[in-house]
C-alpha atoms as a PDB file:
ATOM      1  CA  UNK A   1       0.000   0.000   0.000  1.00  0.00           C
ATOM      2  CA  UNK A   2       1.444   3.360  -1.048  1.00  0.00           C
ATOM      3  CA  UNK A   3       1.686   6.013   1.654  1.00  0.00           C
ATOM      4  CA  UNK A   4       2.263   9.700   1.208  1.00  0.00           C
ATOM      5  CA  UNK A   5       4.696  11.501   3.485  1.00  0.00           C
ATOM      6  CA  UNK A   6       1.935  13.447   5.293  1.00  0.00           C
ATOM      7  CA  UNK A   7       0.271  10.211   6.401  1.00  0.00           C
ATOM      8  CA  UNK A   8       3.548   8.872   7.758  1.00  0.00           C
ATOM      9  CA  UNK A   9       4.127  12.135   9.641  1.00  0.00           C
ATOM     10  CA  UNK A  10       0.663  11.886  11.199  1.00  0.00           C
ATOM     11  CA  UNK A  11       1.211   8.240  12.248  1.00  0.00           C
ATOM     12  CA  UNK A  12       4.548   9.120  13.824  1.00  0.00           C
ATOM     13  CA  UNK A  13       3.012  12.125  15.610  1.00  0.00           C
ATOM     14  CA  UNK A  14       0.078  10.135  17.013  1.00  0.00           C
ATOM     15  CA  UNK A  15       2.494   7.427  18.155  1.00  0.00           C
ATOM     16  CA  UNK A  16       4.669   9.991  19.921  1.00  0.00           C
ATOM     17  CA  UNK A  17       1.644  11.540  21.631  1.00  0.00           C
ATOM     18  CA  UNK A  18       0.278   8.227  22.903  1.00  0.00           C
ATOM     19  CA  UNK A  19       3.690   7.295  24.307  1.00  0.00           C
ATOM     20  CA  UNK A  20       3.386  10.294  26.618  1.00  0.00           C
ATOM     21  CA  UNK A  21       1.354   8.797  29.476  1.00  0.00           C
ATOM     22  CA  UNK A  22       1.541  11.965  31.557  1.00  0.00           C
ATOM     23  CA  UNK A  23      -1.113  13.609  29.427  1.00  0.00           C
ATOM     24  CA  UNK A  24      -4.647  12.686  28.484  1.00  0.00           C
ATOM     25  CA  UNK A  25      -5.136  12.862  24.731  1.00  0.00           C
ATOM     26  CA  UNK A  26      -8.452  13.793  23.154  1.00  0.00           C
ATOM     27  CA  UNK A  27      -9.129  13.467  19.457  1.00  0.00           C
ATOM     28  CA  UNK A  28      -8.870  17.241  19.178  1.00  0.00           C
ATOM     29  CA  UNK A  29      -5.457  17.155  20.875  1.00  0.00           C
ATOM     30  CA  UNK A  30      -4.220  14.607  18.330  1.00  0.00           C
ATOM     31  CA  UNK A  31      -5.575  16.708  15.450  1.00  0.00           C
ATOM     32  CA  UNK A  32      -3.730  19.761  16.782  1.00  0.00           C
ATOM     33  CA  UNK A  33      -0.499  17.806  17.239  1.00  0.00           C
ATOM     34  CA  UNK A  34      -0.681  16.473  13.660  1.00  0.00           C
ATOM     35  CA  UNK A  35      -1.369  19.962  12.316  1.00  0.00           C
ATOM     36  CA  UNK A  36       1.651  21.359  14.190  1.00  0.00           C
ATOM     37  CA  UNK A  37       3.902  18.557  12.932  1.00  0.00           C
ATOM     38  CA  UNK A  38       2.833  19.086   9.325  1.00  0.00           C
ATOM     39  CA  UNK A  39       3.309  22.839   9.664  1.00  0.00           C
ATOM     40  CA  UNK A  40       6.891  22.228  10.821  1.00  0.00           C
ATOM     41  CA  UNK A  41       7.505  19.930   7.873  1.00  0.00           C
ATOM     42  CA  UNK A  42       5.677  21.832   5.124  1.00  0.00           C
ATOM     43  CA  UNK A  43       6.186  25.396   6.385  1.00  0.00           C
ATOM     44  CA  UNK A  44       2.515  26.137   5.818  1.00  0.00           C
ATOM     45  CA  UNK A  45      -0.830  25.383   7.427  1.00  0.00           C
ATOM     46  CA  UNK A  46      -2.161  21.955   6.465  1.00  0.00           C
ATOM     47  CA  UNK A  47      -5.815  21.249   7.180  1.00  0.00           C
ATOM     48  CA  UNK A  48      -6.091  18.012   9.176  1.00  0.00           C
ATOM     49  CA  UNK A  49      -9.696  16.980   9.573  1.00  0.00           C
ATOM     50  CA  UNK A  50     -11.305  14.976  12.348  1.00  0.00           C
ATOM     51  CA  UNK A  51     -12.149  12.267   9.825  1.00  0.00           C
ATOM     52  CA  UNK A  52      -8.488  12.048   8.686  1.00  0.00           C
ATOM     53  CA  UNK A  53      -7.155  11.400  12.189  1.00  0.00           C
ATOM     54  CA  UNK A  54      -9.918   8.882  12.885  1.00  0.00           C
ATOM     55  CA  UNK A  55      -8.923   6.988   9.748  1.00  0.00           C
ATOM     56  CA  UNK A  56      -5.270   7.224  10.794  1.00  0.00           C
ATOM     57  CA  UNK A  57      -6.068   5.630  14.152  1.00  0.00           C
ATOM     58  CA  UNK A  58      -8.080   2.922  12.402  1.00  0.00           C
ATOM     59  CA  UNK A  59      -5.154   2.234  10.045  1.00  0.00           C
ATOM     60  CA  UNK A  60      -2.669   2.117  12.932  1.00  0.00           C
ATOM     61  CA  UNK A  61      -4.883  -0.373  14.764  1.00  0.00           C
ATOM     62  CA  UNK A  62      -5.083  -2.666  11.736  1.00  0.00           C
ATOM     63  CA  UNK A  63      -2.592  -5.160  10.324  1.00  0.00           C
ATOM     64  CA  UNK A  64      -2.485  -3.484   6.915  1.00  0.00           C
ATOM     65  CA  UNK A  65       0.754  -1.683   7.732  1.00  0.00           C
ATOM     66  CA  UNK A  66       1.900  -4.191  10.332  1.00  0.00           C
ATOM     67  CA  UNK A  67       1.407  -1.774  13.251  1.00  0.00           C
ATOM     68  CA  UNK A  68      -1.459  -3.510  15.132  1.00  0.00           C
ATOM     69  CA  UNK A  69      -1.341  -0.556  17.518  1.00  0.00           C
ATOM     70  CA  UNK A  70      -3.332  -1.277  20.747  1.00  0.00           C
ATOM     71  CA  UNK A  71      -5.061   2.122  20.743  1.00  0.00           C
ATOM     72  CA  UNK A  72      -8.038   2.266  23.085  1.00  0.00           C
ATOM     73  CA  UNK A  73     -10.547   4.895  24.164  1.00  0.00           C
ATOM     74  CA  UNK A  74     -11.207   5.344  27.863  1.00  0.00           C
ATOM     75  CA  UNK A  75     -13.803   7.460  29.633  1.00  0.00           C
ATOM     76  CA  UNK A  76     -15.423   7.750  26.170  1.00  0.00           C
ATOM     77  CA  UNK A  77     -13.104  10.642  25.381  1.00  0.00           C
ATOM     78  CA  UNK A  78      -9.390   9.971  25.746  1.00  0.00           C
ATOM     79  CA  UNK A  79      -6.968   7.897  23.650  1.00  0.00           C
ATOM     80  CA  UNK A  80      -4.039   5.833  24.901  1.00  0.00           C
ATOM     81  CA  UNK A  81      -2.060   2.673  24.261  1.00  0.00           C
ATOM     82  CA  UNK A  82      -3.459  -0.312  26.127  1.00  0.00           C
ATOM     83  CA  UNK A  83       0.131  -1.470  26.633  1.00  0.00           C
ATOM     84  CA  UNK A  84       2.221   1.374  28.009  1.00  0.00           C
ATOM     85  CA  UNK A  85       5.481   0.065  26.565  1.00  0.00           C
ATOM     86  CA  UNK A  86       4.111  -0.112  22.983  1.00  0.00           C
ATOM     87  CA  UNK A  87       5.669   1.988  20.235  1.00  0.00           C
ATOM     88  CA  UNK A  88       5.421   1.756  16.473  1.00  0.00           C
ATOM     89  CA  UNK A  89       9.229   1.946  16.351  1.00  0.00           C
ATOM     90  CA  UNK A  90       9.516  -1.248  18.414  1.00  0.00           C
ATOM     91  CA  UNK A  91       7.292  -3.466  16.293  1.00  0.00           C
ATOM     92  CA  UNK A  92       8.686  -7.027  16.253  1.00  0.00           C
ATOM     93  CA  UNK A  93       9.895  -8.257  12.884  1.00  0.00           C
ATOM     94  CA  UNK A  94       7.965 -11.001  11.170  1.00  0.00           C
ATOM     95  CA  UNK A  95       9.540 -13.826   9.181  1.00  0.00           C
ATOM     96  CA  UNK A  96       9.361 -11.955   5.883  1.00  0.00           C
ATOM     97  CA  UNK A  97      10.881  -8.817   7.440  1.00  0.00           C
ATOM     98  CA  UNK A  98      13.766 -10.880   8.780  1.00  0.00           C
ATOM     99  CA  UNK A  99      14.468 -12.463   5.398  1.00  0.00           C
ATOM    100  CA  UNK A 100      14.411  -9.085   3.649  1.00  0.00           C
ATOM    101  CA  UNK A 101      16.767  -7.583   6.240  1.00  0.00           C
ATOM    102  CA  UNK A 102      19.166 -10.518   5.983  1.00  0.00           C
ATOM    103  CA  UNK A 103      19.445 -10.122   2.221  1.00  0.00           C
ATOM    104  CA  UNK A 104      19.747  -6.332   2.540  1.00  0.00           C
ATOM    105  CA  UNK A 105      22.650  -6.778   4.957  1.00  0.00           C
ATOM    106  CA  UNK A 106      24.363  -9.137   2.513  1.00  0.00           C
ATOM    107  CA  UNK A 107      23.927  -6.645  -0.328  1.00  0.00           C
ATOM    108  CA  UNK A 108      25.266  -3.723   1.734  1.00  0.00           C
ATOM    109  CA  UNK A 109      28.293  -5.780   2.770  1.00  0.00           C
ATOM    110  CA  UNK A 110      29.321  -5.987  -0.898  1.00  0.00           C
ATOM    111  CA  UNK A 111      30.298  -2.314  -0.600  1.00  0.00           C
ATOM    112  CA  UNK A 112      32.450  -2.693   2.507  1.00  0.00           C
ATOM    113  CA  UNK A 113      35.548  -1.545   0.595  1.00  0.00           C
ATOM    114  CA  UNK A 114      33.940   1.623  -0.757  1.00  0.00           C
ATOM    115  CA  UNK A 115      34.823   4.652   1.343  1.00  0.00           C
ATOM    116  CA  UNK A 116      31.388   6.171   0.848  1.00  0.00           C
ATOM    117  CA  UNK A 117      30.026   3.385   3.058  1.00  0.00           C
ATOM    118  CA  UNK A 118      32.696   3.656   5.764  1.00  0.00           C
ATOM    119  CA  UNK A 119      30.351   5.378   8.216  1.00  0.00           C
ATOM    120  CA  UNK A 120      27.695   2.780   7.447  1.00  0.00           C
ATOM    121  CA  UNK A 121      30.017  -0.030   8.516  1.00  0.00           C
ATOM    122  CA  UNK A 122      29.041   0.126  12.175  1.00  0.00           C
ATOM    123  CA  UNK A 123      25.356   0.427  11.339  1.00  0.00           C
ATOM    124  CA  UNK A 124      25.516  -2.587   9.031  1.00  0.00           C
ATOM    125  CA  UNK A 125      27.367  -4.577  11.685  1.00  0.00           C
ATOM    126  CA  UNK A 126      24.792  -3.723  14.356  1.00  0.00           C
ATOM    127  CA  UNK A 127      21.946  -4.522  11.981  1.00  0.00           C
ATOM    128  CA  UNK A 128      23.567  -7.838  11.113  1.00  0.00           C
ATOM    129  CA  UNK A 129      24.043  -8.683  14.791  1.00  0.00           C
ATOM    130  CA  UNK A 130      20.423  -7.800  15.529  1.00  0.00           C
ATOM    131  CA  UNK A 131      19.050  -9.829  12.639  1.00  0.00           C
ATOM    132  CA  UNK A 132      21.110 -12.929  13.333  1.00  0.00           C
ATOM    133  CA  UNK A 133      20.405 -12.710  17.046  1.00  0.00           C
ATOM    134  CA  UNK A 134      16.727 -13.176  16.241  1.00  0.00           C
ATOM    135  CA  UNK A 135      17.051 -15.650  13.403  1.00  0.00           C
ATOM    136  CA  UNK A 136      19.339 -18.582  12.687  1.00  0.00           C
ATOM    137  CA  UNK A 137      21.611 -17.816   9.770  1.00  0.00           C
ATOM    138  CA  UNK A 138      20.498 -19.532   6.596  1.00  0.00           C
ATOM    139  CA  UNK A 139      21.839 -19.709   3.073  1.00  0.00           C
ATOM    140  CA  UNK A 140      21.754 -16.525   1.027  1.00  0.00           C
ATOM    141  CA  UNK A 141      18.972 -16.059  -1.506  1.00  0.00           C
ATOM    142  CA  UNK A 142      20.724 -13.239  -3.360  1.00  0.00           C
ATOM    143  CA  UNK A 143      24.278 -13.724  -4.610  1.00  0.00           C
ATOM    144  CA  UNK A 144      26.150 -10.770  -6.075  1.00  0.00           C
ATOM    145  CA  UNK A 145      29.180 -11.233  -8.275  1.00  0.00           C
ATOM    146  CA  UNK A 146      32.324 -10.019  -6.511  1.00  0.00           C
ATOM    147  CA  UNK A 147      36.068 -10.458  -6.643  1.00  0.00           C
ATOM    148  CA  UNK A 148      37.615 -10.585  -3.171  1.00  0.00           C
ATOM    149  CA  UNK A 149      41.146 -10.541  -4.655  1.00  0.00           C
ATOM    150  CA  UNK A 150      40.600  -7.366  -6.682  1.00  0.00           C
ATOM    151  CA  UNK A 151      43.467  -4.946  -6.098  1.00  0.00           C
ATOM    152  CA  UNK A 152      43.214  -1.201  -5.642  1.00  0.00           C
ATOM    153  CA  UNK A 153      39.958  -0.967  -3.692  1.00  0.00           C
ATOM    154  CA  UNK A 154      41.797   0.603  -0.750  1.00  0.00           C
ATOM    155  CA  UNK A 155      42.261   3.737  -2.892  1.00  0.00           C
ATOM    156  CA  UNK A 156      38.520   4.367  -2.976  1.00  0.00           C
ATOM    157  CA  UNK A 157      38.598   6.419   0.216  1.00  0.00           C
ATOM    158  CA  UNK A 158      41.286   8.872  -0.943  1.00  0.00           C
ATOM    159  CA  UNK A 159      39.879   9.148  -4.457  1.00  0.00           C
ATOM    160  CA  UNK A 160      36.286   9.667  -3.364  1.00  0.00           C
ATOM    161  CA  UNK A 161      37.253  12.427  -0.928  1.00  0.00           C
ATOM    162  CA  UNK A 162      39.472  14.109  -3.523  1.00  0.00           C
ATOM    163  CA  UNK A 163      36.549  14.278  -5.951  1.00  0.00           C
ATOM    164  CA  UNK A 164      34.237  15.460  -3.184  1.00  0.00           C
ATOM    165  CA  UNK A 165      36.637  18.216  -2.043  1.00  0.00           C
ATOM    166  CA  UNK A 166      37.945  19.176  -5.522  1.00  0.00           C
ATOM    167  CA  UNK A 167      41.572  18.267  -4.807  1.00  0.00           C
ATOM    168  CA  UNK A 168      44.232  17.665  -7.464  1.00  0.00           C
ATOM    169  CA  UNK A 169      46.102  14.359  -7.160  1.00  0.00           C
ATOM    170  CA  UNK A 170      49.607  13.139  -7.918  1.00  0.00           C
ATOM    171  CA  UNK A 171      49.011   9.502  -8.882  1.00  0.00           C
ATOM    172  CA  UNK A 172      51.804   6.993  -9.339  1.00  0.00           C
ATOM    173  CA  UNK A 173      50.436   4.774 -12.098  1.00  0.00           C
ATOM    174  CA  UNK A 174      51.681   1.995 -14.340  1.00  0.00           C
ATOM    175  CA  UNK A 175      49.619   0.791 -17.260  1.00  0.00           C
ATOM    176  CA  UNK A 176      49.984  -2.753 -18.536  1.00  0.00           C
ATOM    177  CA  UNK A 177      51.996  -1.419 -21.479  1.00  0.00           C
ATOM    178  CA  UNK A 178      54.397   0.729 -19.414  1.00  0.00           C
ATOM    179  CA  UNK A 179      57.743  -0.650 -18.260  1.00  0.00           C
ATOM    180  CA  UNK A 180      57.694   1.368 -15.020  1.00  0.00           C
ATOM    181  CA  UNK A 181      55.307   3.566 -12.991  1.00  0.00           C
ATOM    182  CA  UNK A 182      54.952   7.273 -13.769  1.00  0.00           C
ATOM    183  CA  UNK A 183      53.515  10.139 -11.712  1.00  0.00           C
ATOM    184  CA  UNK A 184      50.435  11.750 -13.279  1.00  0.00           C
ATOM    185  CA  UNK A 185      49.046  15.083 -12.046  1.00  0.00           C
ATOM    186  CA  UNK A 186      45.340  14.491 -12.219  1.00  0.00           C
ATOM    187  CA  UNK A 187      42.023  16.288 -11.722  1.00  0.00           C
ATOM    188  CA  UNK A 188      39.593  13.539 -10.607  1.00  0.00           C
ATOM    189  CA  UNK A 189      35.921  13.723 -11.643  1.00  0.00           C
ATOM    190  CA  UNK A 190      34.309  10.312 -11.321  1.00  0.00           C
ATOM    191  CA  UNK A 191      34.634   6.773  -9.954  1.00  0.00           C
ATOM    192  CA  UNK A 192      33.231   4.170 -12.329  1.00  0.00           C
ATOM    193  CA  UNK A 193      32.790   0.408 -12.006  1.00  0.00           C
ATOM    194  CA  UNK A 194      32.734  -1.853 -15.047  1.00  0.00           C
ATOM    195  CA  UNK A 195      32.909  -5.632 -15.220  1.00  0.00           C
ATOM    196  CA  UNK A 196      33.955  -5.994 -11.554  1.00  0.00           C
ATOM    197  CA  UNK A 197      36.780  -3.458 -11.982  1.00  0.00           C
ATOM    198  CA  UNK A 198      36.981   0.123 -10.690  1.00  0.00           C
ATOM    199  CA  UNK A 199      38.251   3.117 -12.675  1.00  0.00           C
ATOM    200  CA  UNK A 200      39.010   6.737 -11.859  1.00  0.00           C
ATOM    201  CA  UNK A 201      37.936   9.183 -14.549  1.00  0.00           C
ATOM    202  CA  UNK A 202      39.485  12.638 -14.703  1.00  0.00           C
ATOM    203  CA  UNK A 203      41.632  15.100 -16.621  1.00  0.00           C
ATOM    204  CA  UNK A 204      45.367  14.852 -17.119  1.00  0.00           C
ATOM    205  CA  UNK A 205      46.805  18.169 -15.895  1.00  0.00           C
ATOM    206  CA  UNK A 206      49.561  18.191 -18.528  1.00  0.00           C
ATOM    207  CA  UNK A 207      47.669  17.606 -21.766  1.00  0.00           C
ATOM    208  CA  UNK A 208      44.123  18.365 -20.514  1.00  0.00           C
ATOM    209  CA  UNK A 209      42.637  15.166 -21.977  1.00  0.00           C
ATOM    210  CA  UNK A 210      40.137  12.951 -20.142  1.00  0.00           C
ATOM    211  CA  UNK A 211      41.932   9.849 -18.912  1.00  0.00           C
ATOM    212  CA  UNK A 212      40.675   6.736 -17.118  1.00  0.00           C
ATOM    213  CA  UNK A 213      42.939   5.008 -14.601  1.00  0.00           C
ATOM    214  CA  UNK A 214      42.315   1.470 -13.347  1.00  0.00           C
ATOM    215  CA  UNK A 215      42.516   1.381  -9.559  1.00  0.00           C
ATOM    216  CA  UNK A 216      44.413  -1.904  -9.617  1.00  0.00           C
ATOM    217  CA  UNK A 217      47.278  -0.170 -11.498  1.00  0.00           C
ATOM    218  CA  UNK A 218      47.662   2.683  -8.995  1.00  0.00           C
ATOM    219  CA  UNK A 219      50.752   2.463  -6.778  1.00  0.00           C
ATOM    220  CA  UNK A 220      50.470   5.692  -4.779  1.00  0.00           C
ATOM    221  CA  UNK A 221      48.128   8.666  -4.318  1.00  0.00           C
ATOM    222  CA  UNK A 222      49.210  12.067  -2.984  1.00  0.00           C
ATOM    223  CA  UNK A 223      47.038  15.164  -2.492  1.00  0.00           C
ATOM    224  CA  UNK A 224      48.319  18.307  -4.237  1.00  0.00           C
ATOM    225  CA  UNK A 225      46.774  21.288  -2.434  1.00  0.00           C
ATOM    226  CA  UNK A 226      48.965  23.829  -4.246  1.00  0.00           C
ATOM    227  CA  UNK A 227      47.599  23.200  -7.747  1.00  0.00           C
ATOM    228  CA  UNK A 228      44.217  24.772  -8.466  1.00  0.00           C
ATOM    229  CA  UNK A 229      41.546  22.201  -9.220  1.00  0.00           C
ATOM    230  CA  UNK A 230      40.037  22.762 -12.659  1.00  0.00           C
ATOM    231  CA  UNK A 231      36.271  22.915 -12.528  1.00  0.00           C
ATOM    232  CA  UNK A 232      34.549  21.157 -15.405  1.00  0.00           C
ATOM    233  CA  UNK A 233      31.175  20.589 -16.975  1.00  0.00           C
ATOM    234  CA  UNK A 234      32.046  16.893 -17.294  1.00  0.00           C
ATOM    235  CA  UNK A 235      28.802  14.918 -17.685  1.00  0.00           C
ATOM    236  CA  UNK A 236      29.284  11.134 -17.281  1.00  0.00           C
ATOM    237  CA  UNK A 237      25.997  10.279 -19.007  1.00  0.00           C
ATOM    238  CA  UNK A 238      26.961  12.271 -22.098  1.00  0.00           C
ATOM    239  CA  UNK A 239      30.599  11.172 -22.039  1.00  0.00           C
ATOM    240  CA  UNK A 240      29.718   7.460 -21.944  1.00  0.00           C
ATOM    241  CA  UNK A 241      26.531   7.612 -24.015  1.00  0.00           C
ATOM    242  CA  UNK A 242      28.013   5.874 -27.072  1.00  0.00           C
ATOM    243  CA  UNK A 243      30.420   3.577 -25.239  1.00  0.00           C
ATOM    244  CA  UNK A 244      30.559  -0.007 -24.039  1.00  0.00           C
ATOM    245  CA  UNK A 245      32.885  -0.084 -21.029  1.00  0.00           C
ATOM    246  CA  UNK A 246      35.187   2.790 -20.049  1.00  0.00           C
ATOM    247  CA  UNK A 247      37.416   3.425 -23.074  1.00  0.00           C
ATOM    248  CA  UNK A 248      36.303   6.597 -24.864  1.00  0.00           C
ATOM    249  CA  UNK A 249      38.110   7.590 -28.051  1.00  0.00           C
ATOM    250  CA  UNK A 250      37.679  10.573 -30.350  1.00  0.00           C
ATOM    251  CA  UNK A 251      35.946   8.611 -33.071  1.00  0.00           C
ATOM    252  CA  UNK A 252      32.314   9.219 -33.843  1.00  0.00           C
ATOM    253  CA  UNK A 253      29.740   6.605 -32.921  1.00  0.00           C
ATOM    254  CA  UNK A 254      29.122   4.207 -35.783  1.00  0.00           C
ATOM    255  CA  UNK A 255      26.339   1.775 -36.611  1.00  0.00           C
ATOM    256  CA  UNK A 256      27.317  -1.799 -35.782  1.00  0.00           C
ATOM    257  CA  UNK A 257      25.106  -4.439 -37.408  1.00  0.00           C
ATOM    258  CA  UNK A 258      25.068  -7.905 -35.851  1.00  0.00           C
ATOM    259  CA  UNK A 259      23.598 -11.300 -36.614  1.00  0.00           C
ATOM    260  CA  UNK A 260      22.874 -13.481 -33.588  1.00  0.00           C
ATOM    261  CA  UNK A 261      21.920 -17.160 -33.827  1.00  0.00           C
ATOM    262  CA  UNK A 262      18.598 -18.512 -32.582  1.00  0.00           C
ATOM    263  CA  UNK A 263      19.999 -19.877 -29.341  1.00  0.00           C
ATOM    264  CA  UNK A 264      21.401 -16.525 -28.224  1.00  0.00           C
ATOM    265  CA  UNK A 265      18.996 -14.025 -29.792  1.00  0.00           C
ATOM    266  CA  UNK A 266      16.574 -14.211 -26.812  1.00  0.00           C
ATOM    267  CA  UNK A 267      19.430 -13.339 -24.412  1.00  0.00           C
ATOM    268  CA  UNK A 268      20.469 -10.351 -26.502  1.00  0.00           C
ATOM    269  CA  UNK A 269      16.839  -9.262 -26.704  1.00  0.00           C
ATOM    270  CA  UNK A 270      16.296  -9.383 -22.953  1.00  0.00           C
ATOM    271  CA  UNK A 271      19.752  -8.071 -22.006  1.00  0.00           C
ATOM    272  CA  UNK A 272      20.787  -5.534 -24.662  1.00  0.00           C
ATOM    273  CA  UNK A 273      24.481  -5.156 -25.403  1.00  0.00           C
ATOM    274  CA  UNK A 274      24.030  -1.366 -25.283  1.00  0.00           C
ATOM    275  CA  UNK A 275      21.148   1.024 -24.660  1.00  0.00           C
ATOM    276  CA  UNK A 276      21.188   1.988 -28.371  1.00  0.00           C
ATOM    277  CA  UNK A 277      20.450  -1.608 -29.442  1.00  0.00           C
ATOM    278  CA  UNK A 278      17.603  -2.035 -31.935  1.00  0.00           C
ATOM    279  CA  UNK A 279      16.066  -5.218 -33.367  1.00  0.00           C
ATOM    280  CA  UNK A 280      16.116  -5.004 -37.170  1.00  0.00           C
ATOM    281  CA  UNK A 281      14.940  -8.422 -38.299  1.00  0.00           C
ATOM    282  CA  UNK A 282      13.788 -11.693 -36.731  1.00  0.00           C
ATOM    283  CA  UNK A 283      14.214 -14.833 -38.839  1.00  0.00           C
ATOM    284  CA  UNK A 284      12.026 -17.958 -38.847  1.00  0.00           C
ATOM    285  CA  UNK A 285      14.841 -20.020 -37.276  1.00  0.00           C
ATOM    286  CA  UNK A 286      14.938 -17.650 -34.276  1.00  0.00           C
ATOM    287  CA  UNK A 287      18.095 -15.825 -35.291  1.00  0.00           C
ATOM    288  CA  UNK A 288      17.982 -12.048 -35.447  1.00  0.00           C
ATOM    289  CA  UNK A 289      19.764  -8.958 -36.700  1.00  0.00           C
ATOM    290  CA  UNK A 290      20.480  -6.020 -34.389  1.00  0.00           C
ATOM    291  CA  UNK A 291      22.122  -2.640 -34.679  1.00  0.00           C
ATOM    292  CA  UNK A 292      24.097  -0.672 -32.088  1.00  0.00           C
ATOM    293  CA  UNK A 293      25.199   2.949 -32.295  1.00  0.00           C
ATOM    294  CA  UNK A 294      28.555   2.891 -30.489  1.00  0.00           C
ATOM    295  CA  UNK A 295      32.189   3.894 -30.648  1.00  0.00           C
ATOM    296  CA  UNK A 296      34.491   1.035 -31.572  1.00  0.00           C
ATOM    297  CA  UNK A 297      36.721   0.153 -28.648  1.00  0.00           C
ATOM    298  CA  UNK A 298      38.471  -2.713 -26.871  1.00  0.00           C
ATOM    299  CA  UNK A 299      35.566  -3.506 -24.541  1.00  0.00           C
ATOM    300  CA  UNK A 300      33.121  -3.813 -27.455  1.00  0.00           C
ATOM    301  CA  UNK A 301      35.443  -6.264 -29.189  1.00  0.00           C
ATOM    302  CA  UNK A 302      35.812  -8.346 -26.032  1.00  0.00           C
ATOM    303  CA  UNK A 303      32.048  -8.417 -25.599  1.00  0.00           C
ATOM    304  CA  UNK A 304      31.427  -9.610 -29.166  1.00  0.00           C
ATOM    305  CA  UNK A 305      34.241 -12.158 -29.089  1.00  0.00           C
ATOM    306  CA  UNK A 306      32.698 -13.630 -25.969  1.00  0.00           C
ATOM    307  CA  UNK A 307      29.782 -14.908 -28.048  1.00  0.00           C
ATOM    308  CA  UNK A 308      32.117 -17.011 -30.212  1.00  0.00           C
ATOM    309  CA  UNK A 309      30.412 -18.532 -33.230  1.00  0.00           C
ATOM    310  CA  UNK A 310      26.989 -17.382 -32.015  1.00  0.00           C
ATOM    311  CA  UNK A 311      27.423 -13.835 -33.299  1.00  0.00           C
ATOM    312  CA  UNK A 312      28.595 -12.296 -36.583  1.00  0.00           C
ATOM    313  CA  UNK A 313      29.499  -8.676 -37.242  1.00  0.00           C
ATOM    314  CA  UNK A 314      27.916  -7.684 -40.559  1.00  0.00           C
ATOM    315  CA  UNK A 315      29.142  -4.099 -40.520  1.00  0.00           C
ATOM    316  CA  UNK A 316      31.228  -1.972 -40.341  1.00  0.00           C
ATOM    317  CA  UNK A 317      33.882  -3.709 -42.393  1.00  0.00           C
ATOM    318  CA  UNK A 318      36.795  -2.530 -40.231  1.00  0.00           C
ATOM    319  CA  UNK A 319      35.301  -4.114 -37.081  1.00  0.00           C
ATOM    320  CA  UNK A 320      34.426  -7.280 -38.985  1.00  0.00           C
ATOM    321  CA  UNK A 321      38.035  -7.496 -40.243  1.00  0.00           C
ATOM    322  CA  UNK A 322      39.515  -6.950 -36.753  1.00  0.00           C
ATOM    323  CA  UNK A 323      37.410  -9.731 -35.263  1.00  0.00           C
ATOM    324  CA  UNK A 324      38.197 -12.001 -38.216  1.00  0.00           C
ATOM    325  CA  UNK A 325      41.939 -11.574 -37.573  1.00  0.00           C
ATOM    326  CA  UNK A 326      41.554 -12.210 -33.828  1.00  0.00           C
ATOM    327  CA  UNK A 327      39.403 -15.300 -34.364  1.00  0.00           C
ATOM    328  CA  UNK A 328      41.760 -16.674 -37.006  1.00  0.00           C
ATOM    329  CA  UNK A 329      44.733 -16.270 -34.646  1.00  0.00           C
ATOM    330  CA  UNK A 330      42.766 -17.992 -31.905  1.00  0.00           C
ATOM    331  CA  UNK A 331      41.887 -20.837 -34.271  1.00  0.00           C
ATOM    332  CA  UNK A 332      45.537 -21.495 -35.129  1.00  0.00           C
ATOM    333  CA  UNK A 333      46.292 -21.978 -31.428  1.00  0.00           C
ATOM    334  CA  UNK A 334      43.586 -24.624 -31.091  1.00  0.00           C
ATOM    335  CA  UNK A 335      44.468 -26.342 -34.358  1.00  0.00           C
ATOM    336  CA  UNK A 336      47.968 -27.188 -33.108  1.00  0.00           C
ATOM    337  CA  UNK A 337      48.078 -30.803 -31.995  1.00  0.00           C
ATOM    338  CA  UNK A 338      44.349 -31.289 -32.599  1.00  0.00           C
ATOM    339  CA  UNK A 339      43.687 -34.913 -33.664  1.00  0.00           C
ATOM    340  CA  UNK A 340      41.707 -35.305 -36.896  1.00  0.00           C
ATOM    341  CA  UNK A 341      37.929 -35.731 -36.601  1.00  0.00           C
ATOM    342  CA  UNK A 342      38.072 -34.963 -32.892  1.00  0.00           C
ATOM    343  CA  UNK A 343      34.659 -35.248 -31.317  1.00  0.00           C
ATOM    344  CA  UNK A 344      33.806 -32.013 -29.479  1.00  0.00           C
ATOM    345  CA  UNK A 345      31.180 -32.332 -26.722  1.00  0.00           C
END
């Protein structure tokens, strides 16, 4: 059942009133208290009718929201909780609530290495202790993909705070192609996760170009408070609009036309390779043709190669040729020492 914020404010106000056993609460008193609370929240007078508060009390008494509040009327005039220690905030959790909380805890724990969640760590731990104190630990229903051995996650704290505070960084970095680490003066703008790997996106101070740095290739991070941070109108949604992954080049987006076999076409339909994906043609055998409007990059190639023989690039010719060369090289590796007429699967 959907609730608006005003209703929740009224429920909380009535609950707070009825917890005060040193005062006798009439319906008119509760109406006035709700009106005051809404005025504080909205900054304007909100008309709370007698009928509204009566319906609120009826809803709080019911099981529809799980409150089951023991609100009673005594002396035909005053309202109170039949059990003096009752509070809506202390409602016991039912079985479904416990299961939802357990899975929520597991999901939050996936972010334990992200600095943004540092202050949540204690809250998550206390929530976990509370949940498991009331329920025997069972097997997880939700399983998120994670890589416990992923390097570089300890940089998240420094990098996040540098972006937040607009601080220039001196980053000691070594790409896979470099023979040794180099120090890059860097204006950080964004942290981005792709395929279980984290990247820092920002501007190289020297040549002013946007550069992505993989966190697992960072060796050291130093704050540079002397260099003025360069403000930017960098928009991640626009920057990555035509891209699969994190590699953005200066090429224009191009139309990529694909054929996908019948076994894999339903997967590509339900989980598009890119938000620009369009279905062009569906064949009788279940295969289909799709188009994407993307920039050609390394991540796109890796994605398409992952489908093996199930996918064919029809255009553009330069992408088709690149994949042909890669697949042919791969084939030569498997052909070596392969017995003739080998039965596969």
